[in-house]
């Protein structure tokens, strides 16, 4: 029952013995068939009291998302490709033309001194 309730973002607050006197108008009738208006033996019962929880809602949503991800991965394991080499080559080629030589800098008196073939800044005194 608690697992079913958690799917609706409900958290069990309290579980107490069922007392018919706390529910005026309650009649334990069968509700179907030829003996629908006849009561039935109730026996020991419990009343479950739940409350809505946003945390439970978020937790359940993450759980469902995780299950779906695992389900997709199991269906298509070949879909996971390692493209790190391609991305590294692509990134390197983007800046290769712009950078012809090494760039170095040193920190002096809270100002940067850049040295490159094309970039030079004078030190501030």
C-alpha atoms as a PDB file:
ATOM      1  CA  UNK A   1       0.000   0.000   0.000  1.00  0.00           C
ATOM      2  CA  UNK A   2       2.847   2.387   0.849  1.00  0.00           C
ATOM      3  CA  UNK A   3       4.573   1.735  -2.490  1.00  0.00           C
ATOM      4  CA  UNK A   4       1.342   2.429  -4.368  1.00  0.00           C
ATOM      5  CA  UNK A   5       0.860   5.650  -2.393  1.00  0.00           C
ATOM      6  CA  UNK A   6       4.442   6.745  -3.112  1.00  0.00           C
ATOM      7  CA  UNK A   7       3.620   6.699  -6.836  1.00  0.00           C
ATOM      8  CA  UNK A   8       1.092   9.437  -6.060  1.00  0.00           C
ATOM      9  CA  UNK A   9       3.600  11.444  -3.982  1.00  0.00           C
ATOM     10  CA  UNK A  10       2.023  10.367  -0.704  1.00  0.00           C
ATOM     11  CA  UNK A  11       3.985   9.487   2.427  1.00  0.00           C
ATOM     12  CA  UNK A  12       2.566   7.391   5.256  1.00  0.00           C
ATOM     13  CA  UNK A  13       1.916   9.663   8.201  1.00  0.00           C
ATOM     14  CA  UNK A  14       0.146   7.275  10.546  1.00  0.00           C
ATOM     15  CA  UNK A  15      -1.293   3.761  10.664  1.00  0.00           C
ATOM     16  CA  UNK A  16      -3.927   3.230  13.359  1.00  0.00           C
ATOM     17  CA  UNK A  17      -6.571   0.635  14.172  1.00  0.00           C
ATOM     18  CA  UNK A  18      -9.812   1.199  12.239  1.00  0.00           C
ATOM     19  CA  UNK A  19     -12.657   2.369  14.462  1.00  0.00           C
ATOM     20  CA  UNK A  20     -16.069   2.321  12.801  1.00  0.00           C
ATOM     21  CA  UNK A  21     -17.301   4.957  15.267  1.00  0.00           C
ATOM     22  CA  UNK A  22     -14.867   7.502  13.778  1.00  0.00           C
ATOM     23  CA  UNK A  23     -16.622   7.260  10.402  1.00  0.00           C
ATOM     24  CA  UNK A  24     -20.320   8.156  10.843  1.00  0.00           C
ATOM     25  CA  UNK A  25     -22.488   6.714   8.126  1.00  0.00           C
ATOM     26  CA  UNK A  26     -20.020   3.972   7.211  1.00  0.00           C
ATOM     27  CA  UNK A  27     -21.688   0.650   6.529  1.00  0.00           C
ATOM     28  CA  UNK A  28     -19.643  -2.367   5.553  1.00  0.00           C
ATOM     29  CA  UNK A  29     -21.915  -3.702   2.829  1.00  0.00           C
ATOM     30  CA  UNK A  30     -20.957  -6.035   0.024  1.00  0.00           C
ATOM     31  CA  UNK A  31     -22.037  -3.622  -2.725  1.00  0.00           C
ATOM     32  CA  UNK A  32     -22.511  -6.260  -5.449  1.00  0.00           C
ATOM     33  CA  UNK A  33     -24.509  -9.371  -6.167  1.00  0.00           C
ATOM     34  CA  UNK A  34     -27.679 -10.759  -4.606  1.00  0.00           C
ATOM     35  CA  UNK A  35     -26.528  -9.962  -1.047  1.00  0.00           C
ATOM     36  CA  UNK A  36     -25.295  -6.438  -1.849  1.00  0.00           C
ATOM     37  CA  UNK A  37     -27.108  -4.778   1.068  1.00  0.00           C
ATOM     38  CA  UNK A  38     -25.999  -7.293   3.674  1.00  0.00           C
ATOM     39  CA  UNK A  39     -23.044  -6.447   5.914  1.00  0.00           C
ATOM     40  CA  UNK A  40     -19.962  -8.630   6.079  1.00  0.00           C
ATOM     41  CA  UNK A  41     -17.639  -9.448   8.944  1.00  0.00           C
ATOM     42  CA  UNK A  42     -15.033  -6.713   9.138  1.00  0.00           C
ATOM     43  CA  UNK A  43     -12.385  -8.219  11.428  1.00  0.00           C
ATOM     44  CA  UNK A  44      -9.206  -6.358  12.403  1.00  0.00           C
ATOM     45  CA  UNK A  45      -8.571  -3.399  10.089  1.00  0.00           C
ATOM     46  CA  UNK A  46      -6.211  -0.455   9.927  1.00  0.00           C
ATOM     47  CA  UNK A  47      -6.609   3.124   8.823  1.00  0.00           C
ATOM     48  CA  UNK A  48      -3.684   4.468   6.835  1.00  0.00           C
ATOM     49  CA  UNK A  49      -3.195   8.225   6.920  1.00  0.00           C
ATOM     50  CA  UNK A  50      -1.041   9.784   4.225  1.00  0.00           C
ATOM     51  CA  UNK A  51       0.188  13.270   3.406  1.00  0.00           C
ATOM     52  CA  UNK A  52       1.369  14.804   0.155  1.00  0.00           C
ATOM     53  CA  UNK A  53       5.131  15.264  -0.131  1.00  0.00           C
ATOM     54  CA  UNK A  54       6.919  17.305  -2.797  1.00  0.00           C
ATOM     55  CA  UNK A  55      10.159  15.563  -1.874  1.00  0.00           C
ATOM     56  CA  UNK A  56       8.511  12.192  -2.454  1.00  0.00           C
ATOM     57  CA  UNK A  57       7.190  13.476  -5.782  1.00  0.00           C
ATOM     58  CA  UNK A  58      10.671  14.574  -6.887  1.00  0.00           C
ATOM     59  CA  UNK A  59      12.243  11.353  -5.594  1.00  0.00           C
ATOM     60  CA  UNK A  60       9.719   9.214  -7.462  1.00  0.00           C
ATOM     61  CA  UNK A  61      10.195  11.255 -10.657  1.00  0.00           C
ATOM     62  CA  UNK A  62      13.973  10.689 -10.444  1.00  0.00           C
ATOM     63  CA  UNK A  63      13.404   6.989  -9.824  1.00  0.00           C
ATOM     64  CA  UNK A  64      11.162   6.712 -12.898  1.00  0.00           C
ATOM     65  CA  UNK A  65      13.663   8.703 -14.987  1.00  0.00           C
ATOM     66  CA  UNK A  66      16.514   6.428 -13.859  1.00  0.00           C
ATOM     67  CA  UNK A  67      14.492   3.295 -14.694  1.00  0.00           C
ATOM     68  CA  UNK A  68      13.644   4.644 -18.151  1.00  0.00           C
ATOM     69  CA  UNK A  69      17.300   5.472 -18.808  1.00  0.00           C
ATOM     70  CA  UNK A  70      18.379   1.964 -17.787  1.00  0.00           C
ATOM     71  CA  UNK A  71      15.604   0.487 -19.916  1.00  0.00           C
ATOM     72  CA  UNK A  72      16.739   2.476 -22.974  1.00  0.00           C
ATOM     73  CA  UNK A  73      20.383   1.544 -22.374  1.00  0.00           C
ATOM     74  CA  UNK A  74      19.499  -2.148 -22.202  1.00  0.00           C
ATOM     75  CA  UNK A  75      17.586  -1.905 -25.492  1.00  0.00           C
ATOM     76  CA  UNK A  76      20.298   0.030 -27.349  1.00  0.00           C
ATOM     77  CA  UNK A  77      23.704  -0.609 -25.779  1.00  0.00           C
ATOM     78  CA  UNK A  78      25.453   0.239 -29.051  1.00  0.00           C
ATOM     79  CA  UNK A  79      23.990   3.764 -28.975  1.00  0.00           C
ATOM     80  CA  UNK A  80      26.563   4.854 -26.401  1.00  0.00           C
ATOM     81  CA  UNK A  81      29.573   6.032 -28.382  1.00  0.00           C
ATOM     82  CA  UNK A  82      32.823   7.443 -27.102  1.00  0.00           C
ATOM     83  CA  UNK A  83      33.256  10.662 -29.078  1.00  0.00           C
ATOM     84  CA  UNK A  84      35.909  12.210 -26.854  1.00  0.00           C
ATOM     85  CA  UNK A  85      38.631  11.745 -29.508  1.00  0.00           C
ATOM     86  CA  UNK A  86      36.477  13.433 -32.164  1.00  0.00           C
ATOM     87  CA  UNK A  87      35.629  16.332 -29.867  1.00  0.00           C
ATOM     88  CA  UNK A  88      39.279  16.790 -28.868  1.00  0.00           C
ATOM     89  CA  UNK A  89      40.370  16.868 -32.534  1.00  0.00           C
ATOM     90  CA  UNK A  90      37.555  19.266 -33.457  1.00  0.00           C
ATOM     91  CA  UNK A  91      38.383  21.599 -30.571  1.00  0.00           C
ATOM     92  CA  UNK A  92      42.082  21.542 -31.445  1.00  0.00           C
ATOM     93  CA  UNK A  93      41.456  22.279 -35.136  1.00  0.00           C
ATOM     94  CA  UNK A  94      39.217  25.268 -34.335  1.00  0.00           C
ATOM     95  CA  UNK A  95      42.039  27.169 -32.672  1.00  0.00           C
ATOM     96  CA  UNK A  96      45.028  25.779 -34.514  1.00  0.00           C
ATOM     97  CA  UNK A  97      44.962  28.486 -37.196  1.00  0.00           C
ATOM     98  CA  UNK A  98      44.562  31.292 -34.663  1.00  0.00           C
ATOM     99  CA  UNK A  99      47.507  30.203 -32.578  1.00  0.00           C
ATOM    100  CA  UNK A 100      50.824  30.014 -34.412  1.00  0.00           C
ATOM    101  CA  UNK A 101      53.163  30.034 -31.421  1.00  0.00           C
ATOM    102  CA  UNK A 102      53.071  29.473 -27.684  1.00  0.00           C
ATOM    103  CA  UNK A 103      51.430  32.020 -25.431  1.00  0.00           C
ATOM    104  CA  UNK A 104      52.805  32.588 -21.959  1.00  0.00           C
ATOM    105  CA  UNK A 105      51.953  35.045 -19.243  1.00  0.00           C
ATOM    106  CA  UNK A 106      53.313  36.017 -15.883  1.00  0.00           C
ATOM    107  CA  UNK A 107      51.611  37.800 -13.045  1.00  0.00           C
ATOM    108  CA  UNK A 108      53.306  40.991 -11.896  1.00  0.00           C
ATOM    109  CA  UNK A 109      51.786  43.588  -9.571  1.00  0.00           C
ATOM    110  CA  UNK A 110      48.206  42.508 -10.286  1.00  0.00           C
ATOM    111  CA  UNK A 111      48.679  42.955 -14.040  1.00  0.00           C
ATOM    112  CA  UNK A 112      49.324  40.348 -16.669  1.00  0.00           C
ATOM    113  CA  UNK A 113      52.269  40.406 -19.072  1.00  0.00           C
ATOM    114  CA  UNK A 114      51.406  38.508 -22.225  1.00  0.00           C
ATOM    115  CA  UNK A 115      54.089  37.331 -24.614  1.00  0.00           C
ATOM    116  CA  UNK A 116      53.231  36.033 -28.028  1.00  0.00           C
ATOM    117  CA  UNK A 117      54.154  36.711 -31.618  1.00  0.00           C
ATOM    118  CA  UNK A 118      51.233  39.098 -31.977  1.00  0.00           C
ATOM    119  CA  UNK A 119      50.236  40.154 -28.440  1.00  0.00           C
ATOM    120  CA  UNK A 120      52.372  42.330 -26.170  1.00  0.00           C
ATOM    121  CA  UNK A 121      51.340  44.545 -23.310  1.00  0.00           C
ATOM    122  CA  UNK A 122      53.572  46.866 -21.411  1.00  0.00           C
ATOM    123  CA  UNK A 123      53.895  46.569 -17.672  1.00  0.00           C
ATOM    124  CA  UNK A 124      51.999  49.151 -15.691  1.00  0.00           C
ATOM    125  CA  UNK A 125      54.204  50.993 -13.245  1.00  0.00           C
END
